[in-house]
Amino acid sequence: MKEQFVRNLGIMSELDVDKLQRSTIVIAGCGCIGGFSAELLARMGIGRLVLADPDTFDVSNINRQCAATYHTVGMSKVTALKNHLLAINPDLEMIEFSNGVTEENADEFVRDADYVIDAIDYFSFHDAVALHRAARRHGKYIITAAALGFGTTVLTFAPDGMTIEQIAGIPEDMPIEELRGATFPPSSYADKLPSYVTVDHLQEWLTNRTIPTISVGQALGPGVLVSQLVLHLLGRKQPLLVPESFQLQFEM
């Protein structure tokens, strides 16, 4: 066992660490939730990551995204995150989908996955639905998290369970192209939204296609997400499955 993973022992067994080394996690979206999830998985000993994101970093990402620094502004998020992860574990195997996940490549993206992470941009809901449909076709669990100010919600979808379309209230056979411009209902992320998220605020944010978010929520989400994913992958604990979800929220 590599020295860098020795401190995992006692919480995980050598067999657990070996299983993680042989596991493949695919991550659609390399910004907030996806970037921090990738770093946590790399430090826990996952052997193979498949990363997808069509975007580049800009200065406004630095307040919350894992590999966003002044040195990576203008760089592909996939490339910047890959370089960051290789500095943590040079032996980590990675595959890049620099054009992101789309309806056309979603099946290829999830095919070899042991678990799928949906960290696709909120305003690319049509691509998220394509990813979820591919995961269901291939019998894969898919997990996602949303940062809600000083809190988070984590949702896990079983391949034969409740679907993202059912939660969003759309037909499961709706063509992906017709979903362009649609968004996931914010109320579906939590039983109760924070008091600072008013109806007027939501409407303004959705109209301007920008949602305020801070680093702590974007770190809480991946911490819970990766914990649930790894415990499930190792056969230790079944995650809450939608319509149930893990929710943590601190009021201001």
C-alpha atoms as a PDB file:
ATOM      1  CA  MET A   1       0.000   0.000   0.000  1.00  0.00           C
ATOM      2  CA  LYS A   2       1.231   3.495  -0.833  1.00  0.00           C
ATOM      3  CA  GLU A   3       2.357   5.459   2.199  1.00  0.00           C
ATOM      4  CA  GLN A   4      -0.086   8.280   1.479  1.00  0.00           C
ATOM      5  CA  PHE A   5      -3.067   6.005   2.172  1.00  0.00           C
ATOM      6  CA  VAL A   6      -1.775   4.411   5.398  1.00  0.00           C
ATOM      7  CA  ARG A   7      -3.709   6.850   7.595  1.00  0.00           C
ATOM      8  CA  ASN A   8      -6.949   5.602   5.993  1.00  0.00           C
ATOM      9  CA  LEU A   9      -6.417   2.286   7.775  1.00  0.00           C
ATOM     10  CA  GLY A  10      -8.426   1.828  10.939  1.00  0.00           C
ATOM     11  CA  ILE A  11     -11.374   3.597   9.365  1.00  0.00           C
ATOM     12  CA  MET A  12     -11.036   1.490   6.229  1.00  0.00           C
ATOM     13  CA  SER A  13      -9.434  -1.929   5.880  1.00  0.00           C
ATOM     14  CA  GLU A  14      -6.710  -2.832   3.401  1.00  0.00           C
ATOM     15  CA  LEU A  15      -9.410  -4.623   1.393  1.00  0.00           C
ATOM     16  CA  ASP A  16     -11.460  -1.418   1.367  1.00  0.00           C
ATOM     17  CA  VAL A  17      -8.506   0.639   0.160  1.00  0.00           C
ATOM     18  CA  ASP A  18      -7.773  -1.982  -2.499  1.00  0.00           C
ATOM     19  CA  LYS A  19     -11.377  -1.857  -3.698  1.00  0.00           C
ATOM     20  CA  LEU A  20     -11.230   1.925  -3.993  1.00  0.00           C
ATOM     21  CA  GLN A  21      -8.007   1.611  -5.980  1.00  0.00           C
ATOM     22  CA  ARG A  22      -9.852  -0.611  -8.457  1.00  0.00           C
ATOM     23  CA  SER A  23     -12.935   1.630  -8.674  1.00  0.00           C
ATOM     24  CA  THR A  24     -13.943   4.148 -11.330  1.00  0.00           C
ATOM     25  CA  ILE A  25     -15.958   7.236 -10.452  1.00  0.00           C
ATOM     26  CA  VAL A  26     -17.231   9.494 -13.226  1.00  0.00           C
ATOM     27  CA  ILE A  27     -17.799  13.166 -12.452  1.00  0.00           C
ATOM     28  CA  ALA A  28     -19.844  15.390 -14.753  1.00  0.00           C
ATOM     29  CA  GLY A  29     -18.865  18.940 -13.856  1.00  0.00           C
ATOM     30  CA  CYS A  30     -15.457  20.004 -12.499  1.00  0.00           C
ATOM     31  CA  GLY A  31     -16.356  23.228 -10.744  1.00  0.00           C
ATOM     32  CA  CYS A  32     -17.792  23.383  -7.223  1.00  0.00           C
ATOM     33  CA  ILE A  33     -19.354  20.067  -6.218  1.00  0.00           C
ATOM     34  CA  GLY A  34     -17.430  18.070  -8.822  1.00  0.00           C
ATOM     35  CA  GLY A  35     -14.023  19.550  -8.084  1.00  0.00           C
ATOM     36  CA  PHE A  36     -14.116  19.096  -4.318  1.00  0.00           C
ATOM     37  CA  SER A  37     -15.624  15.603  -4.724  1.00  0.00           C
ATOM     38  CA  ALA A  38     -12.761  14.661  -7.047  1.00  0.00           C
ATOM     39  CA  GLU A  39     -10.163  15.898  -4.542  1.00  0.00           C
ATOM     40  CA  LEU A  40     -11.729  13.986  -1.647  1.00  0.00           C
ATOM     41  CA  LEU A  41     -11.922  10.815  -3.734  1.00  0.00           C
ATOM     42  CA  ALA A  42      -8.298  11.193  -4.839  1.00  0.00           C
ATOM     43  CA  ARG A  43      -7.166  11.554  -1.210  1.00  0.00           C
ATOM     44  CA  MET A  44      -9.227   8.506  -0.192  1.00  0.00           C
ATOM     45  CA  GLY A  45      -7.521   6.355  -2.807  1.00  0.00           C
ATOM     46  CA  ILE A  46      -9.901   6.057  -5.758  1.00  0.00           C
ATOM     47  CA  GLY A  47      -7.861   4.661  -8.647  1.00  0.00           C
ATOM     48  CA  ARG A  48      -9.664   6.068 -11.668  1.00  0.00           C
ATOM     49  CA  LEU A  49     -11.663   9.225 -12.331  1.00  0.00           C
ATOM     50  CA  VAL A  50     -13.449  10.260 -15.498  1.00  0.00           C
ATOM     51  CA  LEU A  51     -13.854  14.050 -15.615  1.00  0.00           C
ATOM     52  CA  ALA A  52     -16.165  16.077 -17.842  1.00  0.00           C
ATOM     53  CA  ASP A  53     -16.693  19.822 -18.181  1.00  0.00           C
ATOM     54  CA  PRO A  54     -16.848  22.094 -21.254  1.00  0.00           C
ATOM     55  CA  ASP A  55     -16.004  25.320 -19.396  1.00  0.00           C
ATOM     56  CA  THR A  56     -12.924  27.309 -18.419  1.00  0.00           C
ATOM     57  CA  PHE A  57     -12.210  28.990 -15.095  1.00  0.00           C
ATOM     58  CA  ASP A  58     -12.804  32.696 -14.616  1.00  0.00           C
ATOM     59  CA  VAL A  59     -12.077  35.016 -11.698  1.00  0.00           C
ATOM     60  CA  SER A  60     -15.619  34.745 -10.317  1.00  0.00           C
ATOM     61  CA  ASN A  61     -15.050  31.000  -9.708  1.00  0.00           C
ATOM     62  CA  ILE A  62     -12.218  31.568  -7.227  1.00  0.00           C
ATOM     63  CA  ASN A  63     -14.519  32.144  -4.239  1.00  0.00           C
ATOM     64  CA  ARG A  64     -15.719  28.525  -4.234  1.00  0.00           C
ATOM     65  CA  GLN A  65     -14.281  26.129  -6.844  1.00  0.00           C
ATOM     66  CA  CYS A  66     -11.581  23.586  -6.015  1.00  0.00           C
ATOM     67  CA  ALA A  67      -9.020  24.179  -8.781  1.00  0.00           C
ATOM     68  CA  ALA A  68      -9.906  27.837  -9.433  1.00  0.00           C
ATOM     69  CA  THR A  69      -6.966  30.175  -8.767  1.00  0.00           C
ATOM     70  CA  TYR A  70      -5.484  33.195 -10.491  1.00  0.00           C
ATOM     71  CA  HIS A  71      -3.055  30.738 -12.098  1.00  0.00           C
ATOM     72  CA  THR A  72      -5.873  28.717 -13.723  1.00  0.00           C
ATOM     73  CA  VAL A  73      -8.077  31.562 -14.998  1.00  0.00           C
ATOM     74  CA  GLY A  74      -8.787  30.862 -18.673  1.00  0.00           C
ATOM     75  CA  MET A  75      -7.759  27.206 -18.358  1.00  0.00           C
ATOM     76  CA  SER A  76     -10.057  24.284 -19.083  1.00  0.00           C
ATOM     77  CA  LYS A  77     -11.659  23.159 -15.825  1.00  0.00           C
ATOM     78  CA  VAL A  78     -10.947  19.531 -16.708  1.00  0.00           C
ATOM     79  CA  THR A  79      -7.266  20.235 -17.365  1.00  0.00           C
ATOM     80  CA  ALA A  80      -6.820  22.406 -14.271  1.00  0.00           C
ATOM     81  CA  LEU A  81      -8.517  19.858 -12.025  1.00  0.00           C
ATOM     82  CA  LYS A  82      -6.523  17.011 -13.547  1.00  0.00           C
ATOM     83  CA  ASN A  83      -3.249  18.849 -12.824  1.00  0.00           C
ATOM     84  CA  HIS A  84      -4.405  19.554  -9.271  1.00  0.00           C
ATOM     85  CA  LEU A  85      -5.294  15.895  -8.648  1.00  0.00           C
ATOM     86  CA  LEU A  86      -2.040  14.578 -10.124  1.00  0.00           C
ATOM     87  CA  ALA A  87      -0.163  16.739  -7.609  1.00  0.00           C
ATOM     88  CA  ILE A  88      -2.062  14.797  -4.906  1.00  0.00           C
ATOM     89  CA  ASN A  89      -1.695  11.339  -6.452  1.00  0.00           C
ATOM     90  CA  PRO A  90       0.602  11.017  -9.488  1.00  0.00           C
ATOM     91  CA  ASP A  91      -0.621   7.440 -10.028  1.00  0.00           C
ATOM     92  CA  LEU A  92      -4.275   8.443 -10.352  1.00  0.00           C
ATOM     93  CA  GLU A  93      -5.694   7.385 -13.724  1.00  0.00           C
ATOM     94  CA  MET A  94      -7.895   9.981 -15.374  1.00  0.00           C
ATOM     95  CA  ILE A  95      -9.904  10.250 -18.560  1.00  0.00           C
ATOM     96  CA  GLU A  96     -10.998  13.658 -19.851  1.00  0.00           C
ATOM     97  CA  PHE A  97     -14.249  14.647 -21.544  1.00  0.00           C
ATOM     98  CA  SER A  98     -13.325  18.253 -22.296  1.00  0.00           C
ATOM     99  CA  ASN A  99     -16.547  18.885 -24.221  1.00  0.00           C
ATOM    100  CA  GLY A 100     -18.687  17.959 -21.219  1.00  0.00           C
ATOM    101  CA  VAL A 101     -21.504  15.419 -21.027  1.00  0.00           C
ATOM    102  CA  THR A 102     -24.208  15.547 -23.671  1.00  0.00           C
ATOM    103  CA  GLU A 103     -27.002  13.321 -24.911  1.00  0.00           C
ATOM    104  CA  GLU A 104     -24.597  12.046 -27.579  1.00  0.00           C
ATOM    105  CA  ASN A 105     -21.770  10.908 -25.281  1.00  0.00           C
ATOM    106  CA  ALA A 106     -23.554  10.189 -21.972  1.00  0.00           C
ATOM    107  CA  ASP A 107     -23.629   6.418 -22.537  1.00  0.00           C
ATOM    108  CA  GLU A 108     -19.890   6.325 -23.235  1.00  0.00           C
ATOM    109  CA  PHE A 109     -19.251   8.512 -20.200  1.00  0.00           C
ATOM    110  CA  VAL A 110     -21.052   6.272 -17.662  1.00  0.00           C
ATOM    111  CA  ARG A 111     -20.395   2.852 -19.206  1.00  0.00           C
ATOM    112  CA  ASP A 112     -17.436   1.801 -17.028  1.00  0.00           C
ATOM    113  CA  ALA A 113     -18.480   3.691 -13.878  1.00  0.00           C
ATOM    114  CA  ASP A 114     -18.821   2.171 -10.447  1.00  0.00           C
ATOM    115  CA  TYR A 115     -20.665   5.345  -9.437  1.00  0.00           C
ATOM    116  CA  VAL A 116     -21.785   8.530 -11.207  1.00  0.00           C
ATOM    117  CA  ILE A 117     -21.576  12.059  -9.775  1.00  0.00           C
ATOM    118  CA  ASP A 118     -23.853  14.691 -11.294  1.00  0.00           C
ATOM    119  CA  ALA A 119     -22.195  18.072 -10.743  1.00  0.00           C
ATOM    120  CA  ILE A 120     -23.471  19.628 -13.984  1.00  0.00           C
ATOM    121  CA  ASP A 121     -24.114  23.366 -13.995  1.00  0.00           C
ATOM    122  CA  TYR A 122     -27.590  24.252 -12.710  1.00  0.00           C
ATOM    123  CA  PHE A 123     -28.451  25.993 -15.972  1.00  0.00           C
ATOM    124  CA  SER A 124     -27.562  22.926 -18.067  1.00  0.00           C
ATOM    125  CA  PHE A 125     -30.450  20.846 -16.750  1.00  0.00           C
ATOM    126  CA  HIS A 126     -30.964  19.192 -20.150  1.00  0.00           C
ATOM    127  CA  ASP A 127     -27.453  17.703 -19.963  1.00  0.00           C
ATOM    128  CA  ALA A 128     -28.102  16.534 -16.393  1.00  0.00           C
ATOM    129  CA  VAL A 129     -31.243  14.713 -17.531  1.00  0.00           C
ATOM    130  CA  ALA A 130     -29.269  13.074 -20.354  1.00  0.00           C
ATOM    131  CA  LEU A 131     -26.707  11.921 -17.779  1.00  0.00           C
ATOM    132  CA  HIS A 132     -29.387  10.512 -15.467  1.00  0.00           C
ATOM    133  CA  ARG A 133     -31.055   8.636 -18.317  1.00  0.00           C
ATOM    134  CA  ALA A 134     -27.734   7.095 -19.353  1.00  0.00           C
ATOM    135  CA  ALA A 135     -27.033   6.081 -15.740  1.00  0.00           C
ATOM    136  CA  ARG A 136     -30.415   4.340 -15.560  1.00  0.00           C
ATOM    137  CA  ARG A 137     -29.823   2.541 -18.858  1.00  0.00           C
ATOM    138  CA  HIS A 138     -26.521   1.196 -17.550  1.00  0.00           C
ATOM    139  CA  GLY A 139     -27.784   0.340 -14.062  1.00  0.00           C
ATOM    140  CA  LYS A 140     -25.625   2.921 -12.270  1.00  0.00           C
ATOM    141  CA  TYR A 141     -26.318   4.838  -9.068  1.00  0.00           C
ATOM    142  CA  ILE A 142     -26.041   8.589  -9.518  1.00  0.00           C
ATOM    143  CA  ILE A 143     -25.527  11.129  -6.750  1.00  0.00           C
ATOM    144  CA  THR A 144     -25.692  14.910  -6.747  1.00  0.00           C
ATOM    145  CA  ALA A 145     -25.442  17.762  -4.244  1.00  0.00           C
ATOM    146  CA  ALA A 146     -26.652  21.329  -4.119  1.00  0.00           C
ATOM    147  CA  ALA A 147     -25.098  24.099  -2.074  1.00  0.00           C
ATOM    148  CA  LEU A 148     -27.717  26.235  -0.349  1.00  0.00           C
ATOM    149  CA  GLY A 149     -25.862  29.137   1.242  1.00  0.00           C
ATOM    150  CA  PHE A 150     -24.511  27.818   4.559  1.00  0.00           C
ATOM    151  CA  GLY A 151     -25.842  24.333   3.861  1.00  0.00           C
ATOM    152  CA  THR A 152     -26.313  21.516   1.420  1.00  0.00           C
ATOM    153  CA  THR A 153     -28.674  18.861   0.128  1.00  0.00           C
ATOM    154  CA  VAL A 154     -27.452  15.525  -1.241  1.00  0.00           C
ATOM    155  CA  LEU A 155     -29.673  13.377  -3.476  1.00  0.00           C
ATOM    156  CA  THR A 156     -28.968   9.772  -4.519  1.00  0.00           C
ATOM    157  CA  PHE A 157     -30.851   8.126  -7.372  1.00  0.00           C
ATOM    158  CA  ALA A 158     -31.065   4.353  -7.732  1.00  0.00           C
ATOM    159  CA  PRO A 159     -31.149   3.041 -11.320  1.00  0.00           C
ATOM    160  CA  ASP A 160     -34.568   1.482 -10.683  1.00  0.00           C
ATOM    161  CA  GLY A 161     -35.891   4.129  -8.293  1.00  0.00           C
ATOM    162  CA  MET A 162     -37.508   7.540  -8.470  1.00  0.00           C
ATOM    163  CA  THR A 163     -36.123   9.615 -11.326  1.00  0.00           C
ATOM    164  CA  ILE A 164     -34.950  13.192 -11.681  1.00  0.00           C
ATOM    165  CA  GLU A 165     -37.793  13.745 -14.144  1.00  0.00           C
ATOM    166  CA  GLN A 166     -40.353  12.650 -11.553  1.00  0.00           C
ATOM    167  CA  ILE A 167     -38.907  15.051  -8.981  1.00  0.00           C
ATOM    168  CA  ALA A 168     -38.829  17.876 -11.529  1.00  0.00           C
ATOM    169  CA  GLY A 169     -42.364  17.103 -12.701  1.00  0.00           C
ATOM    170  CA  ILE A 170     -41.545  16.467 -16.355  1.00  0.00           C
ATOM    171  CA  PRO A 171     -42.316  13.461 -18.596  1.00  0.00           C
ATOM    172  CA  GLU A 172     -39.617  10.791 -18.615  1.00  0.00           C
ATOM    173  CA  ASP A 173     -39.795  10.601 -22.400  1.00  0.00           C
ATOM    174  CA  MET A 174     -39.508  14.353 -23.007  1.00  0.00           C
ATOM    175  CA  PRO A 175     -36.860  14.970 -25.716  1.00  0.00           C
ATOM    176  CA  ILE A 176     -33.651  16.450 -24.329  1.00  0.00           C
ATOM    177  CA  GLU A 177     -33.781  19.295 -26.835  1.00  0.00           C
ATOM    178  CA  GLU A 178     -37.125  20.425 -25.390  1.00  0.00           C
ATOM    179  CA  LEU A 179     -35.515  20.726 -21.949  1.00  0.00           C
ATOM    180  CA  ARG A 180     -33.085  23.449 -22.987  1.00  0.00           C
ATOM    181  CA  GLY A 181     -33.690  26.478 -20.791  1.00  0.00           C
ATOM    182  CA  ALA A 182     -35.503  24.438 -18.130  1.00  0.00           C
ATOM    183  CA  THR A 183     -34.136  24.267 -14.576  1.00  0.00           C
ATOM    184  CA  PHE A 184     -34.499  21.915 -11.628  1.00  0.00           C
ATOM    185  CA  PRO A 185     -37.115  23.306  -9.188  1.00  0.00           C
ATOM    186  CA  PRO A 186     -35.199  24.862  -6.249  1.00  0.00           C
ATOM    187  CA  SER A 187     -37.944  23.722  -3.859  1.00  0.00           C
ATOM    188  CA  SER A 188     -37.096  20.106  -4.747  1.00  0.00           C
ATOM    189  CA  TYR A 189     -33.651  20.444  -3.186  1.00  0.00           C
ATOM    190  CA  ALA A 190     -34.935  20.929   0.351  1.00  0.00           C
ATOM    191  CA  ASP A 191     -38.032  20.600   2.496  1.00  0.00           C
ATOM    192  CA  LYS A 192     -37.453  24.171   3.600  1.00  0.00           C
ATOM    193  CA  LEU A 193     -35.283  26.697   1.795  1.00  0.00           C
ATOM    194  CA  PRO A 194     -33.178  29.113   3.890  1.00  0.00           C
ATOM    195  CA  SER A 195     -34.974  32.265   5.018  1.00  0.00           C
ATOM    196  CA  TYR A 196     -32.660  34.380   2.862  1.00  0.00           C
ATOM    197  CA  VAL A 197     -33.868  32.552  -0.276  1.00  0.00           C
ATOM    198  CA  THR A 198     -37.132  34.371  -0.979  1.00  0.00           C
ATOM    199  CA  VAL A 199     -39.413  33.912  -3.978  1.00  0.00           C
ATOM    200  CA  ASP A 200     -38.317  37.315  -5.281  1.00  0.00           C
ATOM    201  CA  HIS A 201     -34.651  36.404  -4.893  1.00  0.00           C
ATOM    202  CA  LEU A 202     -35.162  33.113  -6.734  1.00  0.00           C
ATOM    203  CA  GLN A 203     -36.916  34.813  -9.610  1.00  0.00           C
ATOM    204  CA  GLU A 204     -34.164  37.417  -9.896  1.00  0.00           C
ATOM    205  CA  TRP A 205     -31.399  34.787  -9.821  1.00  0.00           C
ATOM    206  CA  LEU A 206     -33.088  32.567 -12.386  1.00  0.00           C
ATOM    207  CA  THR A 207     -33.774  35.518 -14.673  1.00  0.00           C
ATOM    208  CA  ASN A 208     -30.141  36.669 -14.460  1.00  0.00           C
ATOM    209  CA  ARG A 209     -28.898  33.072 -14.693  1.00  0.00           C
ATOM    210  CA  THR A 210     -26.581  33.505 -11.728  1.00  0.00           C
ATOM    211  CA  ILE A 211     -27.051  32.134  -8.219  1.00  0.00           C
ATOM    212  CA  PRO A 212     -25.040  33.474  -5.247  1.00  0.00           C
ATOM    213  CA  THR A 213     -23.003  30.760  -3.565  1.00  0.00           C
ATOM    214  CA  ILE A 214     -20.127  30.510  -1.104  1.00  0.00           C
ATOM    215  CA  SER A 215     -17.305  28.113  -0.388  1.00  0.00           C
ATOM    216  CA  VAL A 216     -18.678  26.446   2.748  1.00  0.00           C
ATOM    217  CA  GLY A 217     -21.824  25.100   1.083  1.00  0.00           C
ATOM    218  CA  GLN A 218     -19.740  23.912  -1.838  1.00  0.00           C
ATOM    219  CA  ALA A 219     -17.448  22.053   0.587  1.00  0.00           C
ATOM    220  CA  LEU A 220     -20.209  20.596   2.783  1.00  0.00           C
ATOM    221  CA  GLY A 221     -21.951  19.026  -0.219  1.00  0.00           C
ATOM    222  CA  PRO A 222     -18.947  17.031  -1.471  1.00  0.00           C
ATOM    223  CA  GLY A 223     -18.080  15.944   2.070  1.00  0.00           C
ATOM    224  CA  VAL A 224     -21.497  14.347   2.502  1.00  0.00           C
ATOM    225  CA  LEU A 225     -21.688  13.149  -1.101  1.00  0.00           C
ATOM    226  CA  VAL A 226     -18.326  11.350  -1.024  1.00  0.00           C
ATOM    227  CA  SER A 227     -19.061   9.867   2.411  1.00  0.00           C
ATOM    228  CA  GLN A 228     -22.331   8.366   1.181  1.00  0.00           C
ATOM    229  CA  LEU A 229     -20.795   7.221  -2.109  1.00  0.00           C
ATOM    230  CA  VAL A 230     -17.783   5.496  -0.519  1.00  0.00           C
ATOM    231  CA  LEU A 231     -19.809   3.835   2.259  1.00  0.00           C
ATOM    232  CA  HIS A 232     -22.234   2.527  -0.369  1.00  0.00           C
ATOM    233  CA  LEU A 233     -19.441   1.418  -2.708  1.00  0.00           C
ATOM    234  CA  LEU A 234     -17.770  -0.510   0.125  1.00  0.00           C
ATOM    235  CA  GLY A 235     -21.049  -2.157   1.130  1.00  0.00           C
ATOM    236  CA  ARG A 236     -21.028  -0.448   4.525  1.00  0.00           C
ATOM    237  CA  LYS A 237     -24.228   1.603   4.371  1.00  0.00           C
ATOM    238  CA  GLN A 238     -27.141   2.188   1.996  1.00  0.00           C
ATOM    239  CA  PRO A 239     -27.603   5.868   1.185  1.00  0.00           C
ATOM    240  CA  LEU A 240     -30.891   7.711   1.493  1.00  0.00           C
ATOM    241  CA  LEU A 241     -32.596   7.378  -1.882  1.00  0.00           C
ATOM    242  CA  VAL A 242     -34.872   9.983  -3.403  1.00  0.00           C
ATOM    243  CA  PRO A 243     -37.486  11.093  -2.550  1.00  0.00           C
ATOM    244  CA  GLU A 244     -35.526  11.048   0.732  1.00  0.00           C
ATOM    245  CA  SER A 245     -32.399  13.199   0.935  1.00  0.00           C
ATOM    246  CA  PHE A 246     -29.683  14.371   3.306  1.00  0.00           C
ATOM    247  CA  GLN A 247     -30.179  18.021   4.262  1.00  0.00           C
ATOM    248  CA  LEU A 248     -28.092  20.337   6.431  1.00  0.00           C
ATOM    249  CA  GLN A 249     -28.813  24.047   6.712  1.00  0.00           C
ATOM    250  CA  PHE A 250     -27.525  26.789   9.000  1.00  0.00           C
ATOM    251  CA  GLU A 251     -29.633  29.922   9.245  1.00  0.00           C
ATOM    252  CA  MET A 252     -27.957  33.324   9.317  1.00  0.00           C
END
